[in-house]
Amino acid sequence: MEVSNQITLVEDVLAKLCKTIYPLTNLLARPLPEGVDPLKLEIYLTDEDFQFALDMTRKEYSALPAWKQVNLKKTGGLF
């Protein structure tokens, strides 16, 4: 068994877990970053990445019915 001599600060762990914005490339890669809900990847995108991936604004997206949102996420690789 190997013992790690590294000290992990609680602040560093919390910062990783509380991160709310990720680049599109991070959300398309697997495994996903810790703490990311795989069913709601679109909420972690910047506005620019959101527009690029789903070809619409967040406001336009939220006005769509759920089934259309799912289809858009599939097309954009976010499902």
PDB file of N, CA and C in Angstrom:
ATOM      1  N   MET A   1       0.840  -1.166   0.000  1.00  0.00           N
ATOM      2  CA  MET A   1       0.000   0.000   0.000  1.00  0.00           C
ATOM      3  C   MET A   1       0.892   1.238   0.000  1.00  0.00           C
ATOM      4  N   GLU A   2       0.519   2.207  -0.845  1.00  0.00           N
ATOM      5  CA  GLU A   2       1.307   3.429  -0.964  1.00  0.00           C
ATOM      6  C   GLU A   2       0.651   4.536  -0.149  1.00  0.00           C
ATOM      7  N   VAL A   3       1.452   5.273   0.581  1.00  0.00           N
ATOM      8  CA  VAL A   3       0.935   6.357   1.408  1.00  0.00           C
ATOM      9  C   VAL A   3       1.297   7.676   0.738  1.00  0.00           C
ATOM     10  N   SER A   4       0.313   8.552   0.627  1.00  0.00           N
ATOM     11  CA  SER A   4       0.551   9.857   0.014  1.00  0.00           C
ATOM     12  C   SER A   4       0.934  10.864   1.088  1.00  0.00           C
ATOM     13  N   ASN A   5       1.968  11.627   0.825  1.00  0.00           N
ATOM     14  CA  ASN A   5       2.409  12.648   1.769  1.00  0.00           C
ATOM     15  C   ASN A   5       1.886  14.028   1.389  1.00  0.00           C
ATOM     16  N   GLN A   6       0.978  14.088   0.448  1.00  0.00           N
ATOM     17  CA  GLN A   6       0.428  15.366   0.023  1.00  0.00           C
ATOM     18  C   GLN A   6      -0.636  15.828   0.999  1.00  0.00           C
ATOM     19  N   ILE A   7      -0.666  17.126   1.201  1.00  0.00           N
ATOM     20  CA  ILE A   7      -1.701  17.730   2.036  1.00  0.00           C
ATOM     21  C   ILE A   7      -2.696  18.406   1.100  1.00  0.00           C
ATOM     22  N   THR A   8      -3.956  18.059   1.255  1.00  0.00           N
ATOM     23  CA  THR A   8      -5.001  18.664   0.449  1.00  0.00           C
ATOM     24  C   THR A   8      -5.767  19.641   1.326  1.00  0.00           C
ATOM     25  N   LEU A   9      -5.775  20.881   0.904  1.00  0.00           N
ATOM     26  CA  LEU A   9      -6.493  21.892   1.665  1.00  0.00           C
ATOM     27  C   LEU A   9      -7.990  21.772   1.415  1.00  0.00           C
ATOM     28  N   VAL A  10      -8.754  21.944   2.448  1.00  0.00           N
ATOM     29  CA  VAL A  10     -10.211  21.871   2.347  1.00  0.00           C
ATOM     30  C   VAL A  10     -10.714  22.914   1.357  1.00  0.00           C
ATOM     31  N   GLU A  11     -10.090  24.091   1.364  1.00  0.00           N
ATOM     32  CA  GLU A  11     -10.508  25.151   0.449  1.00  0.00           C
ATOM     33  C   GLU A  11     -10.358  24.720  -1.011  1.00  0.00           C
ATOM     34  N   ASP A  12      -9.285  23.987  -1.316  1.00  0.00           N
ATOM     35  CA  ASP A  12      -9.064  23.529  -2.684  1.00  0.00           C
ATOM     36  C   ASP A  12     -10.115  22.513  -3.111  1.00  0.00           C
ATOM     37  N   VAL A  13     -10.452  21.610  -2.216  1.00  0.00           N
ATOM     38  CA  VAL A  13     -11.472  20.595  -2.516  1.00  0.00           C
ATOM     39  C   VAL A  13     -12.828  21.260  -2.704  1.00  0.00           C
ATOM     40  N   LEU A  14     -13.172  22.180  -1.841  1.00  0.00           N
ATOM     41  CA  LEU A  14     -14.448  22.887  -1.959  1.00  0.00           C
ATOM     42  C   LEU A  14     -14.522  23.703  -3.239  1.00  0.00           C
ATOM     43  N   ALA A  15     -13.429  24.332  -3.615  1.00  0.00           N
ATOM     44  CA  ALA A  15     -13.414  25.122  -4.845  1.00  0.00           C
ATOM     45  C   ALA A  15     -13.691  24.239  -6.056  1.00  0.00           C
ATOM     46  N   LYS A  16     -13.116  23.038  -6.067  1.00  0.00           N
ATOM     47  CA  LYS A  16     -13.371  22.103  -7.172  1.00  0.00           C
ATOM     48  C   LYS A  16     -14.828  21.666  -7.200  1.00  0.00           C
ATOM     49  N   LEU A  17     -15.369  21.353  -6.033  1.00  0.00           N
ATOM     50  CA  LEU A  17     -16.742  20.854  -5.956  1.00  0.00           C
ATOM     51  C   LEU A  17     -17.785  21.945  -6.183  1.00  0.00           C
ATOM     52  N   CYS A  18     -17.437  23.184  -5.905  1.00  0.00           N
ATOM     53  CA  CYS A  18     -18.384  24.296  -6.039  1.00  0.00           C
ATOM     54  C   CYS A  18     -18.258  25.017  -7.370  1.00  0.00           C
ATOM     55  N   LYS A  19     -17.353  24.579  -8.218  1.00  0.00           N
ATOM     56  CA  LYS A  19     -17.176  25.228  -9.507  1.00  0.00           C
ATOM     57  C   LYS A  19     -18.464  25.080 -10.303  1.00  0.00           C
ATOM     58  N   THR A  20     -18.900  26.161 -10.910  1.00  0.00           N
ATOM     59  CA  THR A  20     -20.187  26.122 -11.594  1.00  0.00           C
ATOM     60  C   THR A  20     -20.089  26.316 -13.098  1.00  0.00           C
ATOM     61  N   ILE A  21     -18.943  26.751 -13.598  1.00  0.00           N
ATOM     62  CA  ILE A  21     -18.782  26.988 -15.029  1.00  0.00           C
ATOM     63  C   ILE A  21     -17.604  26.149 -15.537  1.00  0.00           C
ATOM     64  N   TYR A  22     -17.840  25.440 -16.637  1.00  0.00           N
ATOM     65  CA  TYR A  22     -16.807  24.622 -17.256  1.00  0.00           C
ATOM     66  C   TYR A  22     -16.791  24.895 -18.759  1.00  0.00           C
ATOM     67  N   PRO A  23     -15.632  24.790 -19.391  1.00  0.00           N
ATOM     68  CA  PRO A  23     -15.588  24.899 -20.857  1.00  0.00           C
ATOM     69  C   PRO A  23     -16.327  23.715 -21.485  1.00  0.00           C
ATOM     70  N   LEU A  24     -16.844  23.931 -22.662  1.00  0.00           N
ATOM     71  CA  LEU A  24     -17.583  22.888 -23.374  1.00  0.00           C
ATOM     72  C   LEU A  24     -16.742  21.624 -23.530  1.00  0.00           C
ATOM     73  N   THR A  25     -15.466  21.778 -23.804  1.00  0.00           N
ATOM     74  CA  THR A  25     -14.599  20.606 -23.995  1.00  0.00           C
ATOM     75  C   THR A  25     -14.532  19.738 -22.742  1.00  0.00           C
ATOM     76  N   ASN A  26     -14.563  20.344 -21.563  1.00  0.00           N
ATOM     77  CA  ASN A  26     -14.544  19.573 -20.307  1.00  0.00           C
ATOM     78  C   ASN A  26     -15.838  18.787 -20.122  1.00  0.00           C
ATOM     79  N   LEU A  27     -16.947  19.341 -20.579  1.00  0.00           N
ATOM     80  CA  LEU A  27     -18.234  18.670 -20.397  1.00  0.00           C
ATOM     81  C   LEU A  27     -18.494  17.598 -21.449  1.00  0.00           C
ATOM     82  N   LEU A  28     -17.774  17.665 -22.556  1.00  0.00           N
ATOM     83  CA  LEU A  28     -17.918  16.635 -23.585  1.00  0.00           C
ATOM     84  C   LEU A  28     -16.988  15.457 -23.327  1.00  0.00           C
ATOM     85  N   ALA A  29     -15.982  15.664 -22.481  1.00  0.00           N
ATOM     86  CA  ALA A  29     -15.012  14.612 -22.164  1.00  0.00           C
ATOM     87  C   ALA A  29     -15.523  13.750 -21.017  1.00  0.00           C
ATOM     88  N   ARG A  30     -15.039  12.537 -20.958  1.00  0.00           N
ATOM     89  CA  ARG A  30     -15.367  11.644 -19.849  1.00  0.00           C
ATOM     90  C   ARG A  30     -14.088  11.181 -19.209  1.00  0.00           C
ATOM     91  N   PRO A  31     -14.018  11.047 -17.928  1.00  0.00           N
ATOM     92  CA  PRO A  31     -15.093  11.284 -16.972  1.00  0.00           C
ATOM     93  C   PRO A  31     -15.339  12.779 -16.792  1.00  0.00           C
ATOM     94  N   LEU A  32     -16.555  13.084 -16.371  1.00  0.00           N
ATOM     95  CA  LEU A  32     -16.934  14.468 -16.110  1.00  0.00           C
ATOM     96  C   LEU A  32     -16.225  14.975 -14.856  1.00  0.00           C
ATOM     97  N   PRO A  33     -16.067  16.289 -14.742  1.00  0.00           N
ATOM     98  CA  PRO A  33     -15.499  16.842 -13.505  1.00  0.00           C
ATOM     99  C   PRO A  33     -16.368  16.470 -12.301  1.00  0.00           C
ATOM    100  N   GLU A  34     -15.743  16.347 -11.146  1.00  0.00           N
ATOM    101  CA  GLU A  34     -16.477  16.004  -9.929  1.00  0.00           C
ATOM    102  C   GLU A  34     -17.562  17.032  -9.648  1.00  0.00           C
ATOM    103  N   GLY A  35     -18.726  16.537  -9.221  1.00  0.00           N
ATOM    104  CA  GLY A  35     -19.820  17.419  -8.835  1.00  0.00           C
ATOM    105  C   GLY A  35     -20.717  17.855  -9.975  1.00  0.00           C
ATOM    106  N   VAL A  36     -20.421  17.451 -11.210  1.00  0.00           N
ATOM    107  CA  VAL A  36     -21.226  17.842 -12.370  1.00  0.00           C
ATOM    108  C   VAL A  36     -22.363  16.849 -12.556  1.00  0.00           C
ATOM    109  N   ASP A  37     -23.581  17.370 -12.674  1.00  0.00           N
ATOM    110  CA  ASP A  37     -24.757  16.539 -12.912  1.00  0.00           C
ATOM    111  C   ASP A  37     -24.806  16.196 -14.400  1.00  0.00           C
ATOM    112  N   PRO A  38     -24.635  14.933 -14.778  1.00  0.00           N
ATOM    113  CA  PRO A  38     -24.589  14.568 -16.198  1.00  0.00           C
ATOM    114  C   PRO A  38     -25.905  14.792 -16.936  1.00  0.00           C
ATOM    115  N   LEU A  39     -26.995  14.973 -16.224  1.00  0.00           N
ATOM    116  CA  LEU A  39     -28.279  15.212 -16.870  1.00  0.00           C
ATOM    117  C   LEU A  39     -28.550  16.685 -17.129  1.00  0.00           C
ATOM    118  N   LYS A  40     -27.697  17.555 -16.594  1.00  0.00           N
ATOM    119  CA  LYS A  40     -27.907  18.997 -16.744  1.00  0.00           C
ATOM    120  C   LYS A  40     -26.617  19.703 -17.153  1.00  0.00           C
ATOM    121  N   LEU A  41     -25.919  19.148 -18.114  1.00  0.00           N
ATOM    122  CA  LEU A  41     -24.638  19.704 -18.524  1.00  0.00           C
ATOM    123  C   LEU A  41     -24.750  21.143 -19.017  1.00  0.00           C
ATOM    124  N   GLU A  42     -25.885  21.495 -19.593  1.00  0.00           N
ATOM    125  CA  GLU A  42     -26.040  22.835 -20.157  1.00  0.00           C
ATOM    126  C   GLU A  42     -25.948  23.948 -19.107  1.00  0.00           C
ATOM    127  N   ILE A  43     -26.254  23.640 -17.858  1.00  0.00           N
ATOM    128  CA  ILE A  43     -26.210  24.684 -16.827  1.00  0.00           C
ATOM    129  C   ILE A  43     -24.788  25.062 -16.437  1.00  0.00           C
ATOM    130  N   TYR A  44     -23.813  24.259 -16.817  1.00  0.00           N
ATOM    131  CA  TYR A  44     -22.421  24.519 -16.456  1.00  0.00           C
ATOM    132  C   TYR A  44     -21.661  25.277 -17.546  1.00  0.00           C
ATOM    133  N   LEU A  45     -22.305  25.550 -18.670  1.00  0.00           N
ATOM    134  CA  LEU A  45     -21.645  26.205 -19.795  1.00  0.00           C
ATOM    135  C   LEU A  45     -21.604  27.720 -19.639  1.00  0.00           C
ATOM    136  N   THR A  46     -20.563  28.333 -20.217  1.00  0.00           N
ATOM    137  CA  THR A  46     -20.561  29.789 -20.323  1.00  0.00           C
ATOM    138  C   THR A  46     -21.651  30.162 -21.329  1.00  0.00           C
ATOM    139  N   ASP A  47     -22.050  31.415 -21.338  1.00  0.00           N
ATOM    140  CA  ASP A  47     -23.077  31.841 -22.291  1.00  0.00           C
ATOM    141  C   ASP A  47     -22.623  31.634 -23.738  1.00  0.00           C
ATOM    142  N   GLU A  48     -21.329  31.865 -23.982  1.00  0.00           N
ATOM    143  CA  GLU A  48     -20.795  31.688 -25.337  1.00  0.00           C
ATOM    144  C   GLU A  48     -20.820  30.216 -25.753  1.00  0.00           C
ATOM    145  N   ASP A  49     -20.393  29.329 -24.866  1.00  0.00           N
ATOM    146  CA  ASP A  49     -20.407  27.898 -25.166  1.00  0.00           C
ATOM    147  C   ASP A  49     -21.837  27.381 -25.303  1.00  0.00           C
ATOM    148  N   PHE A  50     -22.735  27.906 -24.494  1.00  0.00           N
ATOM    149  CA  PHE A  50     -24.148  27.521 -24.575  1.00  0.00           C
ATOM    150  C   PHE A  50     -24.681  27.855 -25.968  1.00  0.00           C
ATOM    151  N   GLN A  51     -24.425  29.091 -26.405  1.00  0.00           N
ATOM    152  CA  GLN A  51     -24.876  29.540 -27.725  1.00  0.00           C
ATOM    153  C   GLN A  51     -24.260  28.677 -28.826  1.00  0.00           C
ATOM    154  N   PHE A  52     -22.986  28.346 -28.688  1.00  0.00           N
ATOM    155  CA  PHE A  52     -22.293  27.530 -29.687  1.00  0.00           C
ATOM    156  C   PHE A  52     -22.860  26.116 -29.734  1.00  0.00           C
ATOM    157  N   ALA A  53     -23.036  25.483 -28.576  1.00  0.00           N
ATOM    158  CA  ALA A  53     -23.465  24.081 -28.513  1.00  0.00           C
ATOM    159  C   ALA A  53     -24.930  23.892 -28.887  1.00  0.00           C
ATOM    160  N   LEU A  54     -25.788  24.818 -28.458  1.00  0.00           N
ATOM    161  CA  LEU A  54     -27.221  24.631 -28.661  1.00  0.00           C
ATOM    162  C   LEU A  54     -27.830  25.581 -29.693  1.00  0.00           C
ATOM    163  N   ASP A  55     -27.007  26.478 -30.213  1.00  0.00           N
ATOM    164  CA  ASP A  55     -27.418  27.405 -31.270  1.00  0.00           C
ATOM    165  C   ASP A  55     -28.606  28.279 -30.872  1.00  0.00           C
ATOM    166  N   MET A  56     -28.643  28.669 -29.605  1.00  0.00           N
ATOM    167  CA  MET A  56     -29.670  29.590 -29.109  1.00  0.00           C
ATOM    168  C   MET A  56     -29.255  30.107 -27.734  1.00  0.00           C
ATOM    169  N   THR A  57     -29.945  31.136 -27.275  1.00  0.00           N
ATOM    170  CA  THR A  57     -29.648  31.694 -25.963  1.00  0.00           C
ATOM    171  C   THR A  57     -30.298  30.853 -24.871  1.00  0.00           C
ATOM    172  N   ARG A  58     -29.880  31.087 -23.646  1.00  0.00           N
ATOM    173  CA  ARG A  58     -30.486  30.383 -22.506  1.00  0.00           C
ATOM    174  C   ARG A  58     -31.978  30.707 -22.399  1.00  0.00           C
ATOM    175  N   LYS A  59     -32.332  31.953 -22.660  1.00  0.00           N
ATOM    176  CA  LYS A  59     -33.735  32.366 -22.568  1.00  0.00           C
ATOM    177  C   LYS A  59     -34.582  31.637 -23.610  1.00  0.00           C
ATOM    178  N   GLU A  60     -34.086  31.548 -24.830  1.00  0.00           N
ATOM    179  CA  GLU A  60     -34.807  30.819 -25.881  1.00  0.00           C
ATOM    180  C   GLU A  60     -34.935  29.340 -25.525  1.00  0.00           C
ATOM    181  N   TYR A  61     -33.845  28.781 -24.999  1.00  0.00           N
ATOM    182  CA  TYR A  61     -33.825  27.374 -24.615  1.00  0.00           C
ATOM    183  C   TYR A  61     -34.835  27.082 -23.508  1.00  0.00           C
ATOM    184  N   SER A  62     -34.870  27.938 -22.502  1.00  0.00           N
ATOM    185  CA  SER A  62     -35.773  27.695 -21.365  1.00  0.00           C
ATOM    186  C   SER A  62     -37.242  27.835 -21.756  1.00  0.00           C
ATOM    187  N   ALA A  63     -37.525  28.523 -22.860  1.00  0.00           N
ATOM    188  CA  ALA A  63     -38.908  28.671 -23.313  1.00  0.00           C
ATOM    189  C   ALA A  63     -39.410  27.434 -24.071  1.00  0.00           C
ATOM    190  N   LEU A  64     -38.501  26.546 -24.428  1.00  0.00           N
ATOM    191  CA  LEU A  64     -38.880  25.343 -25.180  1.00  0.00           C
ATOM    192  C   LEU A  64     -39.467  24.273 -24.260  1.00  0.00           C
ATOM    193  N   PRO A  65     -40.320  23.405 -24.808  1.00  0.00           N
ATOM    194  CA  PRO A  65     -40.792  22.258 -24.029  1.00  0.00           C
ATOM    195  C   PRO A  65     -39.631  21.318 -23.717  1.00  0.00           C
ATOM    196  N   ALA A  66     -39.768  20.544 -22.671  1.00  0.00           N
ATOM    197  CA  ALA A  66     -38.697  19.661 -22.197  1.00  0.00           C
ATOM    198  C   ALA A  66     -38.227  18.698 -23.281  1.00  0.00           C
ATOM    199  N   TRP A  67     -39.120  18.150 -24.079  1.00  0.00           N
ATOM    200  CA  TRP A  67     -38.711  17.180 -25.097  1.00  0.00           C
ATOM    201  C   TRP A  67     -37.834  17.831 -26.164  1.00  0.00           C
ATOM    202  N   LYS A  68     -38.096  19.104 -26.483  1.00  0.00           N
ATOM    203  CA  LYS A  68     -37.254  19.797 -27.453  1.00  0.00           C
ATOM    204  C   LYS A  68     -35.884  20.106 -26.847  1.00  0.00           C
ATOM    205  N   GLN A  69     -35.863  20.421 -25.557  1.00  0.00           N
ATOM    206  CA  GLN A  69     -34.593  20.666 -24.882  1.00  0.00           C
ATOM    207  C   GLN A  69     -33.722  19.413 -24.920  1.00  0.00           C
ATOM    208  N   VAL A  70     -34.331  18.266 -24.652  1.00  0.00           N
ATOM    209  CA  VAL A  70     -33.599  16.993 -24.676  1.00  0.00           C
ATOM    210  C   VAL A  70     -33.049  16.729 -26.075  1.00  0.00           C
ATOM    211  N   ASN A  71     -33.859  16.954 -27.099  1.00  0.00           N
ATOM    212  CA  ASN A  71     -33.395  16.730 -28.471  1.00  0.00           C
ATOM    213  C   ASN A  71     -32.230  17.654 -28.821  1.00  0.00           C
ATOM    214  N   LEU A  72     -32.290  18.906 -28.385  1.00  0.00           N
ATOM    215  CA  LEU A  72     -31.194  19.840 -28.634  1.00  0.00           C
ATOM    216  C   LEU A  72     -29.922  19.407 -27.913  1.00  0.00           C
ATOM    217  N   LYS A  73     -30.066  18.949 -26.674  1.00  0.00           N
ATOM    218  CA  LYS A  73     -28.905  18.490 -25.928  1.00  0.00           C
ATOM    219  C   LYS A  73     -28.277  17.270 -26.604  1.00  0.00           C
ATOM    220  N   LYS A  74     -29.084  16.384 -27.141  1.00  0.00           N
ATOM    221  CA  LYS A  74     -28.558  15.224 -27.873  1.00  0.00           C
ATOM    222  C   LYS A  74     -27.794  15.673 -29.109  1.00  0.00           C
ATOM    223  N   THR A  75     -28.362  16.616 -29.846  1.00  0.00           N
ATOM    224  CA  THR A  75     -27.707  17.131 -31.042  1.00  0.00           C
ATOM    225  C   THR A  75     -26.394  17.811 -30.712  1.00  0.00           C
ATOM    226  N   GLY A  76     -26.364  18.535 -29.590  1.00  0.00           N
ATOM    227  CA  GLY A  76     -25.152  19.241 -29.180  1.00  0.00           C
ATOM    228  C   GLY A  76     -24.155  18.386 -28.414  1.00  0.00           C
ATOM    229  N   GLY A  77     -24.476  17.111 -28.195  1.00  0.00           N
ATOM    230  CA  GLY A  77     -23.566  16.212 -27.486  1.00  0.00           C
ATOM    231  C   GLY A  77     -23.583  16.379 -25.976  1.00  0.00           C
ATOM    232  N   LEU A  78     -24.628  17.003 -25.449  1.00  0.00           N
ATOM    233  CA  LEU A  78     -24.718  17.275 -24.009  1.00  0.00           C
ATOM    234  C   LEU A  78     -25.669  16.335 -23.294  1.00  0.00           C
ATOM    235  N   PHE A  79     -25.892  15.169 -23.856  1.00  0.00           N
ATOM    236  CA  PHE A  79     -26.831  14.236 -23.223  1.00  0.00           C
ATOM    237  C   PHE A  79     -26.215  12.880 -23.110  1.00  0.00           C
TER     238      PHE A  79
END
